PDB file of N, CA and C in Angstrom:
ATOM      1  N   MET A   1     -16.795 -31.015  -1.128  1.00  0.00           N
ATOM      2  CA  MET A   1     -15.776 -31.226  -0.129  1.00  0.00           C
ATOM      3  C   MET A   1     -14.637 -32.015  -0.775  1.00  0.00           C
ATOM      4  N   HIS A   2     -13.439 -31.633  -0.434  1.00  0.00           N
ATOM      5  CA  HIS A   2     -12.235 -32.282  -0.947  1.00  0.00           C
ATOM      6  C   HIS A   2     -11.401 -32.701   0.256  1.00  0.00           C
ATOM      7  N   ILE A   3     -11.027 -33.981   0.307  1.00  0.00           N
ATOM      8  CA  ILE A   3     -10.238 -34.485   1.430  1.00  0.00           C
ATOM      9  C   ILE A   3      -8.941 -35.085   0.896  1.00  0.00           C
ATOM     10  N   TYR A   4      -7.843 -34.661   1.506  1.00  0.00           N
ATOM     11  CA  TYR A   4      -6.522 -35.137   1.118  1.00  0.00           C
ATOM     12  C   TYR A   4      -5.821 -35.738   2.330  1.00  0.00           C
ATOM     13  N   LYS A   5      -5.181 -36.877   2.124  1.00  0.00           N
ATOM     14  CA  LYS A   5      -4.366 -37.505   3.164  1.00  0.00           C
ATOM     15  C   LYS A   5      -2.905 -37.229   2.836  1.00  0.00           C
ATOM     16  N   VAL A   6      -2.199 -36.684   3.805  1.00  0.00           N
ATOM     17  CA  VAL A   6      -0.786 -36.372   3.638  1.00  0.00           C
ATOM     18  C   VAL A   6       0.009 -37.495   4.310  1.00  0.00           C
ATOM     19  N   HIS A   7       0.830 -38.180   3.539  1.00  0.00           N
ATOM     20  CA  HIS A   7       1.616 -39.292   4.063  1.00  0.00           C
ATOM     21  C   HIS A   7       2.970 -38.784   4.554  1.00  0.00           C
ATOM     22  N   LYS A   8       3.289 -39.126   5.804  1.00  0.00           N
ATOM     23  CA  LYS A   8       4.509 -38.662   6.464  1.00  0.00           C
ATOM     24  C   LYS A   8       5.701 -39.528   6.079  1.00  0.00           C
ATOM     25  N   ASP A   9       6.820 -38.890   5.852  1.00  0.00           N
ATOM     26  CA  ASP A   9       8.078 -39.607   5.653  1.00  0.00           C
ATOM     27  C   ASP A   9       8.513 -40.161   7.008  1.00  0.00           C
ATOM     28  N   ASP A  10       8.912 -41.418   7.059  1.00  0.00           N
ATOM     29  CA  ASP A  10       9.303 -42.056   8.318  1.00  0.00           C
ATOM     30  C   ASP A  10      10.493 -41.380   8.994  1.00  0.00           C
ATOM     31  N   GLU A  11      11.310 -40.693   8.228  1.00  0.00           N
ATOM     32  CA  GLU A  11      12.506 -40.039   8.767  1.00  0.00           C
ATOM     33  C   GLU A  11      12.206 -38.683   9.403  1.00  0.00           C
ATOM     34  N   VAL A  12      10.977 -38.214   9.295  1.00  0.00           N
ATOM     35  CA  VAL A  12      10.601 -36.881   9.761  1.00  0.00           C
ATOM     36  C   VAL A  12       9.910 -36.988  11.118  1.00  0.00           C
ATOM     37  N   SER A  13      10.235 -36.081  12.017  1.00  0.00           N
ATOM     38  CA  SER A  13       9.594 -36.072  13.335  1.00  0.00           C
ATOM     39  C   SER A  13       8.129 -35.653  13.213  1.00  0.00           C
ATOM     40  N   ILE A  14       7.353 -36.055  14.200  1.00  0.00           N
ATOM     41  CA  ILE A  14       5.935 -35.687  14.241  1.00  0.00           C
ATOM     42  C   ILE A  14       5.794 -34.167  14.273  1.00  0.00           C
ATOM     43  N   GLU A  15       6.667 -33.505  15.009  1.00  0.00           N
ATOM     44  CA  GLU A  15       6.591 -32.045  15.126  1.00  0.00           C
ATOM     45  C   GLU A  15       6.832 -31.367  13.775  1.00  0.00           C
ATOM     46  N   ASP A  16       7.851 -31.838  13.047  1.00  0.00           N
ATOM     47  CA  ASP A  16       8.137 -31.258  11.736  1.00  0.00           C
ATOM     48  C   ASP A  16       7.011 -31.547  10.750  1.00  0.00           C
ATOM     49  N   PHE A  17       6.448 -32.750  10.806  1.00  0.00           N
ATOM     50  CA  PHE A  17       5.344 -33.118   9.926  1.00  0.00           C
ATOM     51  C   PHE A  17       4.122 -32.248  10.220  1.00  0.00           C
ATOM     52  N   THR A  18       3.795 -32.122  11.494  1.00  0.00           N
ATOM     53  CA  THR A  18       2.642 -31.316  11.884  1.00  0.00           C
ATOM     54  C   THR A  18       2.813 -29.867  11.441  1.00  0.00           C
ATOM     55  N   SER A  19       4.003 -29.340  11.607  1.00  0.00           N
ATOM     56  CA  SER A  19       4.294 -27.976  11.176  1.00  0.00           C
ATOM     57  C   SER A  19       4.121 -27.834   9.664  1.00  0.00           C
ATOM     58  N   ALA A  20       4.619 -28.809   8.902  1.00  0.00           N
ATOM     59  CA  ALA A  20       4.503 -28.769   7.441  1.00  0.00           C
ATOM     60  C   ALA A  20       3.048 -28.870   6.996  1.00  0.00           C
ATOM     61  N   VAL A  21       2.262 -29.706   7.661  1.00  0.00           N
ATOM     62  CA  VAL A  21       0.833 -29.829   7.322  1.00  0.00           C
ATOM     63  C   VAL A  21       0.116 -28.514   7.612  1.00  0.00           C
ATOM     64  N   ASN A  22       0.442 -27.885   8.730  1.00  0.00           N
ATOM     65  CA  ASN A  22      -0.190 -26.603   9.060  1.00  0.00           C
ATOM     66  C   ASN A  22       0.219 -25.504   8.079  1.00  0.00           C
ATOM     67  N   CYS A  23       1.458 -25.536   7.619  1.00  0.00           N
ATOM     68  CA  CYS A  23       1.892 -24.582   6.586  1.00  0.00           C
ATOM     69  C   CYS A  23       1.130 -24.817   5.292  1.00  0.00           C
ATOM     70  N   ALA A  24       0.921 -26.085   4.927  1.00  0.00           N
ATOM     71  CA  ALA A  24       0.148 -26.409   3.728  1.00  0.00           C
ATOM     72  C   ALA A  24      -1.281 -25.898   3.881  1.00  0.00           C
ATOM     73  N   LYS A  25      -1.862 -26.054   5.061  1.00  0.00           N
ATOM     74  CA  LYS A  25      -3.218 -25.561   5.330  1.00  0.00           C
ATOM     75  C   LYS A  25      -3.295 -24.052   5.108  1.00  0.00           C
ATOM     76  N   GLU A  26      -2.338 -23.322   5.652  1.00  0.00           N
ATOM     77  CA  GLU A  26      -2.331 -21.869   5.483  1.00  0.00           C
ATOM     78  C   GLU A  26      -2.175 -21.478   4.021  1.00  0.00           C
ATOM     79  N   CYS A  27      -1.356 -22.207   3.301  1.00  0.00           N
ATOM     80  CA  CYS A  27      -1.168 -21.956   1.879  1.00  0.00           C
ATOM     81  C   CYS A  27      -2.475 -22.186   1.120  1.00  0.00           C
ATOM     82  N   ILE A  28      -3.157 -23.296   1.427  1.00  0.00           N
ATOM     83  CA  ILE A  28      -4.431 -23.611   0.766  1.00  0.00           C
ATOM     84  C   ILE A  28      -5.449 -22.519   1.050  1.00  0.00           C
ATOM     85  N   GLU A  29      -5.520 -22.079   2.300  1.00  0.00           N
ATOM     86  CA  GLU A  29      -6.447 -21.002   2.648  1.00  0.00           C
ATOM     87  C   GLU A  29      -6.156 -19.754   1.828  1.00  0.00           C
ATOM     88  N   SER A  30      -4.897 -19.444   1.649  1.00  0.00           N
ATOM     89  CA  SER A  30      -4.497 -18.273   0.873  1.00  0.00           C
ATOM     90  C   SER A  30      -4.862 -18.429  -0.606  1.00  0.00           C
ATOM     91  N   VAL A  31      -4.538 -19.600  -1.161  1.00  0.00           N
ATOM     92  CA  VAL A  31      -4.790 -19.851  -2.581  1.00  0.00           C
ATOM     93  C   VAL A  31      -6.288 -19.840  -2.893  1.00  0.00           C
ATOM     94  N   LEU A  32      -7.091 -20.362  -1.977  1.00  0.00           N
ATOM     95  CA  LEU A  32      -8.537 -20.478  -2.211  1.00  0.00           C
ATOM     96  C   LEU A  32      -9.346 -19.393  -1.505  1.00  0.00           C
ATOM     97  N   TYR A  33      -8.686 -18.348  -1.065  1.00  0.00           N
ATOM     98  CA  TYR A  33      -9.328 -17.277  -0.295  1.00  0.00           C
ATOM     99  C   TYR A  33     -10.558 -16.712  -1.000  1.00  0.00           C
ATOM    100  N   ASP A  34     -10.442 -16.428  -2.276  1.00  0.00           N
ATOM    101  CA  ASP A  34     -11.537 -15.817  -3.034  1.00  0.00           C
ATOM    102  C   ASP A  34     -12.758 -16.724  -3.160  1.00  0.00           C
ATOM    103  N   LEU A  35     -12.584 -18.022  -2.921  1.00  0.00           N
ATOM    104  CA  LEU A  35     -13.684 -18.971  -3.023  1.00  0.00           C
ATOM    105  C   LEU A  35     -14.382 -19.185  -1.682  1.00  0.00           C
ATOM    106  N   GLY A  36     -13.872 -18.561  -0.644  1.00  0.00           N
ATOM    107  CA  GLY A  36     -14.469 -18.715   0.675  1.00  0.00           C
ATOM    108  C   GLY A  36     -14.334 -20.122   1.231  1.00  0.00           C
ATOM    109  N   ALA A  37     -13.280 -20.811   0.857  1.00  0.00           N
ATOM    110  CA  ALA A  37     -13.068 -22.184   1.298  1.00  0.00           C
ATOM    111  C   ALA A  37     -12.765 -22.236   2.794  1.00  0.00           C
ATOM    112  N   VAL A  38     -13.281 -23.271   3.437  1.00  0.00           N
ATOM    113  CA  VAL A  38     -12.952 -23.555   4.830  1.00  0.00           C
ATOM    114  C   VAL A  38     -12.016 -24.755   4.810  1.00  0.00           C
ATOM    115  N   VAL A  39     -10.829 -24.586   5.400  1.00  0.00           N
ATOM    116  CA  VAL A  39      -9.815 -25.636   5.395  1.00  0.00           C
ATOM    117  C   VAL A  39      -9.572 -26.072   6.833  1.00  0.00           C
ATOM    118  N   THR A  40      -9.698 -27.388   7.065  1.00  0.00           N
ATOM    119  CA  THR A  40      -9.455 -27.925   8.397  1.00  0.00           C
ATOM    120  C   THR A  40      -8.423 -29.041   8.316  1.00  0.00           C
ATOM    121  N   VAL A  41      -7.709 -29.222   9.431  1.00  0.00           N
ATOM    122  CA  VAL A  41      -6.692 -30.268   9.518  1.00  0.00           C
ATOM    123  C   VAL A  41      -7.030 -31.156  10.707  1.00  0.00           C
ATOM    124  N   SER A  42      -6.929 -32.456  10.496  1.00  0.00           N
ATOM    125  CA  SER A  42      -7.084 -33.436  11.557  1.00  0.00           C
ATOM    126  C   SER A  42      -6.012 -34.497  11.342  1.00  0.00           C
ATOM    127  N   ASP A  43      -4.958 -34.424  12.143  1.00  0.00           N
ATOM    128  CA  ASP A  43      -3.803 -35.313  12.014  1.00  0.00           C
ATOM    129  C   ASP A  43      -3.205 -35.197  10.609  1.00  0.00           C
ATOM    130  N   ASP A  44      -3.388 -36.229   9.787  1.00  0.00           N
ATOM    131  CA  ASP A  44      -2.811 -36.233   8.437  1.00  0.00           C
ATOM    132  C   ASP A  44      -3.845 -35.979   7.345  1.00  0.00           C
ATOM    133  N   LEU A  45      -5.026 -35.507   7.730  1.00  0.00           N
ATOM    134  CA  LEU A  45      -6.087 -35.220   6.766  1.00  0.00           C
ATOM    135  C   LEU A  45      -6.329 -33.718   6.654  1.00  0.00           C
ATOM    136  N   ILE A  46      -6.422 -33.262   5.418  1.00  0.00           N
ATOM    137  CA  ILE A  46      -6.772 -31.871   5.149  1.00  0.00           C
ATOM    138  C   ILE A  46      -8.099 -31.881   4.412  1.00  0.00           C
ATOM    139  N   THR A  47      -9.094 -31.198   4.976  1.00  0.00           N
ATOM    140  CA  THR A  47     -10.425 -31.131   4.384  1.00  0.00           C
ATOM    141  C   THR A  47     -10.676 -29.711   3.893  1.00  0.00           C
ATOM    142  N   ILE A  48     -11.094 -29.618   2.633  1.00  0.00           N
ATOM    143  CA  ILE A  48     -11.383 -28.327   2.013  1.00  0.00           C
ATOM    144  C   ILE A  48     -12.870 -28.316   1.684  1.00  0.00           C
ATOM    145  N   THR A  49     -13.584 -27.385   2.288  1.00  0.00           N
ATOM    146  CA  THR A  49     -15.017 -27.287   2.060  1.00  0.00           C
ATOM    147  C   THR A  49     -15.305 -26.031   1.246  1.00  0.00           C
ATOM    148  N   THR A  50     -15.793 -26.245   0.031  1.00  0.00           N
ATOM    149  CA  THR A  50     -16.224 -25.168  -0.846  1.00  0.00           C
ATOM    150  C   THR A  50     -17.074 -25.779  -1.952  1.00  0.00           C
ATOM    151  N   ASP A  51     -18.036 -25.028  -2.437  1.00  0.00           N
ATOM    152  CA  ASP A  51     -18.902 -25.497  -3.521  1.00  0.00           C
ATOM    153  C   ASP A  51     -18.473 -24.946  -4.875  1.00  0.00           C
ATOM    154  N   ASP A  52     -17.454 -24.114  -4.878  1.00  0.00           N
ATOM    155  CA  ASP A  52     -17.123 -23.351  -6.076  1.00  0.00           C
ATOM    156  C   ASP A  52     -15.898 -23.840  -6.833  1.00  0.00           C
ATOM    157  N   ILE A  53     -15.534 -25.116  -6.694  1.00  0.00           N
ATOM    158  CA  ILE A  53     -14.327 -25.590  -7.360  1.00  0.00           C
ATOM    159  C   ILE A  53     -14.463 -27.088  -7.666  1.00  0.00           C
ATOM    160  N   THR A  54     -14.030 -27.461  -8.838  1.00  0.00           N
ATOM    161  CA  THR A  54     -14.060 -28.874  -9.218  1.00  0.00           C
ATOM    162  C   THR A  54     -12.842 -29.591  -8.640  1.00  0.00           C
ATOM    163  N   GLU A  55     -12.875 -30.905  -8.702  1.00  0.00           N
ATOM    164  CA  GLU A  55     -11.749 -31.710  -8.225  1.00  0.00           C
ATOM    165  C   GLU A  55     -10.464 -31.335  -8.961  1.00  0.00           C
ATOM    166  N   LYS A  56     -10.550 -31.226 -10.280  1.00  0.00           N
ATOM    167  CA  LYS A  56      -9.367 -30.897 -11.084  1.00  0.00           C
ATOM    168  C   LYS A  56      -8.843 -29.502 -10.749  1.00  0.00           C
ATOM    169  N   GLU A  57      -9.751 -28.526 -10.649  1.00  0.00           N
ATOM    170  CA  GLU A  57      -9.338 -27.158 -10.323  1.00  0.00           C
ATOM    171  C   GLU A  57      -8.683 -27.096  -8.945  1.00  0.00           C
ATOM    172  N   CYS A  58      -9.259 -27.820  -7.998  1.00  0.00           N
ATOM    173  CA  CYS A  58      -8.708 -27.837  -6.643  1.00  0.00           C
ATOM    174  C   CYS A  58      -7.287 -28.385  -6.661  1.00  0.00           C
ATOM    175  N   LYS A  59      -7.107 -29.512  -7.315  1.00  0.00           N
ATOM    176  CA  LYS A  59      -5.783 -30.132  -7.385  1.00  0.00           C
ATOM    177  C   LYS A  59      -4.758 -29.186  -8.006  1.00  0.00           C
ATOM    178  N   GLU A  60      -5.143 -28.543  -9.108  1.00  0.00           N
ATOM    179  CA  GLU A  60      -4.233 -27.626  -9.789  1.00  0.00           C
ATOM    180  C   GLU A  60      -3.876 -26.428  -8.909  1.00  0.00           C
ATOM    181  N   LYS A  61      -4.868 -25.881  -8.215  1.00  0.00           N
ATOM    182  CA  LYS A  61      -4.642 -24.683  -7.410  1.00  0.00           C
ATOM    183  C   LYS A  61      -3.792 -24.953  -6.172  1.00  0.00           C
ATOM    184  N   ILE A  62      -3.973 -26.128  -5.544  1.00  0.00           N
ATOM    185  CA  ILE A  62      -3.277 -26.368  -4.283  1.00  0.00           C
ATOM    186  C   ILE A  62      -1.979 -27.153  -4.433  1.00  0.00           C
ATOM    187  N   GLN A  63      -1.646 -27.596  -5.627  1.00  0.00           N
ATOM    188  CA  GLN A  63      -0.440 -28.397  -5.827  1.00  0.00           C
ATOM    189  C   GLN A  63       0.800 -27.720  -5.248  1.00  0.00           C
ATOM    190  N   GLY A  64       0.930 -26.448  -5.462  1.00  0.00           N
ATOM    191  CA  GLY A  64       2.081 -25.705  -4.961  1.00  0.00           C
ATOM    192  C   GLY A  64       2.165 -25.633  -3.451  1.00  0.00           C
ATOM    193  N   CYS A  65       1.095 -25.974  -2.768  1.00  0.00           N
ATOM    194  CA  CYS A  65       1.099 -25.967  -1.302  1.00  0.00           C
ATOM    195  C   CYS A  65       1.805 -27.189  -0.729  1.00  0.00           C
ATOM    196  N   PHE A  66       2.062 -28.181  -1.575  1.00  0.00           N
ATOM    197  CA  PHE A  66       2.721 -29.404  -1.138  1.00  0.00           C
ATOM    198  C   PHE A  66       4.044 -29.659  -1.859  1.00  0.00           C
ATOM    199  N   CYS A  67       4.346 -28.847  -2.870  1.00  0.00           N
ATOM    200  CA  CYS A  67       5.514 -29.086  -3.719  1.00  0.00           C
ATOM    201  C   CYS A  67       6.388 -27.847  -3.824  1.00  0.00           C
ATOM    202  N   ASP A  68       7.666 -28.073  -4.102  1.00  0.00           N
ATOM    203  CA  ASP A  68       8.560 -26.954  -4.363  1.00  0.00           C
ATOM    204  C   ASP A  68       8.400 -26.511  -5.817  1.00  0.00           C
ATOM    205  N   SER A  69       9.154 -25.514  -6.234  1.00  0.00           N
ATOM    206  CA  SER A  69       9.009 -24.965  -7.579  1.00  0.00           C
ATOM    207  C   SER A  69       9.358 -25.960  -8.683  1.00  0.00           C
ATOM    208  N   ALA A  70      10.122 -26.994  -8.344  1.00  0.00           N
ATOM    209  CA  ALA A  70      10.468 -28.036  -9.319  1.00  0.00           C
ATOM    210  C   ALA A  70       9.397 -29.124  -9.395  1.00  0.00           C
ATOM    211  N   GLY A  71       8.361 -29.015  -8.546  1.00  0.00           N
ATOM    212  CA  GLY A  71       7.298 -30.001  -8.558  1.00  0.00           C
ATOM    213  C   GLY A  71       7.538 -31.197  -7.654  1.00  0.00           C
ATOM    214  N   ASN A  72       8.586 -31.139  -6.840  1.00  0.00           N
ATOM    215  CA  ASN A  72       8.891 -32.229  -5.905  1.00  0.00           C
ATOM    216  C   ASN A  72       8.129 -32.021  -4.601  1.00  0.00           C
ATOM    217  N   VAL A  73       7.524 -33.095  -4.092  1.00  0.00           N
ATOM    218  CA  VAL A  73       6.808 -33.011  -2.828  1.00  0.00           C
ATOM    219  C   VAL A  73       7.802 -32.647  -1.732  1.00  0.00           C
ATOM    220  N   TYR A  74       7.375 -31.766  -0.826  1.00  0.00           N
ATOM    221  CA  TYR A  74       8.247 -31.350   0.273  1.00  0.00           C
ATOM    222  C   TYR A  74       8.751 -32.566   1.050  1.00  0.00           C
ATOM    223  N   PRO A  75       9.953 -32.492   1.625  1.00  0.00           N
ATOM    224  CA  PRO A  75      10.585 -33.655   2.249  1.00  0.00           C
ATOM    225  C   PRO A  75       9.832 -34.215   3.456  1.00  0.00           C
ATOM    226  N   GLU A  76       8.961 -33.447   4.074  1.00  0.00           N
ATOM    227  CA  GLU A  76       8.193 -33.956   5.213  1.00  0.00           C
ATOM    228  C   GLU A  76       7.128 -34.960   4.780  1.00  0.00           C
ATOM    229  N   PHE A  77       6.794 -34.916   3.486  1.00  0.00           N
ATOM    230  CA  PHE A  77       5.724 -35.758   2.964  1.00  0.00           C
ATOM    231  C   PHE A  77       6.286 -36.801   2.000  1.00  0.00           C
ATOM    232  N   ILE A  78       5.662 -37.972   1.984  1.00  0.00           N
ATOM    233  CA  ILE A  78       5.984 -38.973   0.959  1.00  0.00           C
ATOM    234  C   ILE A  78       5.120 -38.692  -0.263  1.00  0.00           C
ATOM    235  N   ARG A  79       3.821 -38.465   0.004  1.00  0.00           N
ATOM    236  CA  ARG A  79       2.886 -38.136  -1.073  1.00  0.00           C
ATOM    237  C   ARG A  79       1.617 -37.560  -0.469  1.00  0.00           C
ATOM    238  N   VAL A  80       0.802 -36.966  -1.329  1.00  0.00           N
ATOM    239  CA  VAL A  80      -0.498 -36.435  -0.927  1.00  0.00           C
ATOM    240  C   VAL A  80      -1.533 -37.188  -1.757  1.00  0.00           C
ATOM    241  N   GLU A  81      -2.489 -37.777  -1.065  1.00  0.00           N
ATOM    242  CA  GLU A  81      -3.488 -38.635  -1.711  1.00  0.00           C
ATOM    243  C   GLU A  81      -4.880 -38.049  -1.534  1.00  0.00           C
ATOM    244  N   ARG A  82      -5.604 -37.964  -2.629  1.00  0.00           N
ATOM    245  CA  ARG A  82      -6.996 -37.508  -2.570  1.00  0.00           C
ATOM    246  C   ARG A  82      -7.858 -38.662  -2.077  1.00  0.00           C
ATOM    247  N   LEU A  83      -8.682 -38.413  -1.048  1.00  0.00           N
ATOM    248  CA  LEU A  83      -9.499 -39.475  -0.487  1.00  0.00           C
ATOM    249  C   LEU A  83     -10.961 -39.449  -0.903  1.00  0.00           C
ATOM    250  N   SER A  84     -11.473 -38.290  -1.270  1.00  0.00           N
ATOM    251  CA  SER A  84     -12.885 -38.244  -1.604  1.00  0.00           C
ATOM    252  C   SER A  84     -13.138 -37.342  -2.777  1.00  0.00           C
ATOM    253  N   LYS A  85     -14.269 -37.575  -3.377  1.00  0.00           N
ATOM    254  CA  LYS A  85     -14.708 -36.698  -4.460  1.00  0.00           C
ATOM    255  C   LYS A  85     -15.556 -35.606  -3.853  1.00  0.00           C
ATOM    256  N   LYS A  86     -15.774 -34.575  -4.634  1.00  0.00           N
ATOM    257  CA  LYS A  86     -16.588 -33.460  -4.166  1.00  0.00           C
ATOM    258  C   LYS A  86     -17.976 -33.964  -3.819  1.00  0.00           C
ATOM    259  N   ALA A  87     -18.460 -33.590  -2.646  1.00  0.00           N
ATOM    260  CA  ALA A  87     -19.785 -34.039  -2.194  1.00  0.00           C
ATOM    261  C   ALA A  87     -20.856 -33.057  -2.640  1.00  0.00           C
TER     262      ALA A  87
END
């Protein structure tokens, strides 16, 4: 299991933040589709459940779900923090 906390920019509305988190969730589901990952969102937490990916592989695969092509975190987020190691 991989858990990430998405930190909201104070200048962004709750609605825009929630929309951006849900878009990130859909992106993660798409990127990890072949692994059968289950992705859930609860407020600012994104939980990825799969047994077929390491912490490093997960981070590399989903980075683009939170960043633009230049590697900058989307403006709705301040940062994305990993909260747990694979269980």
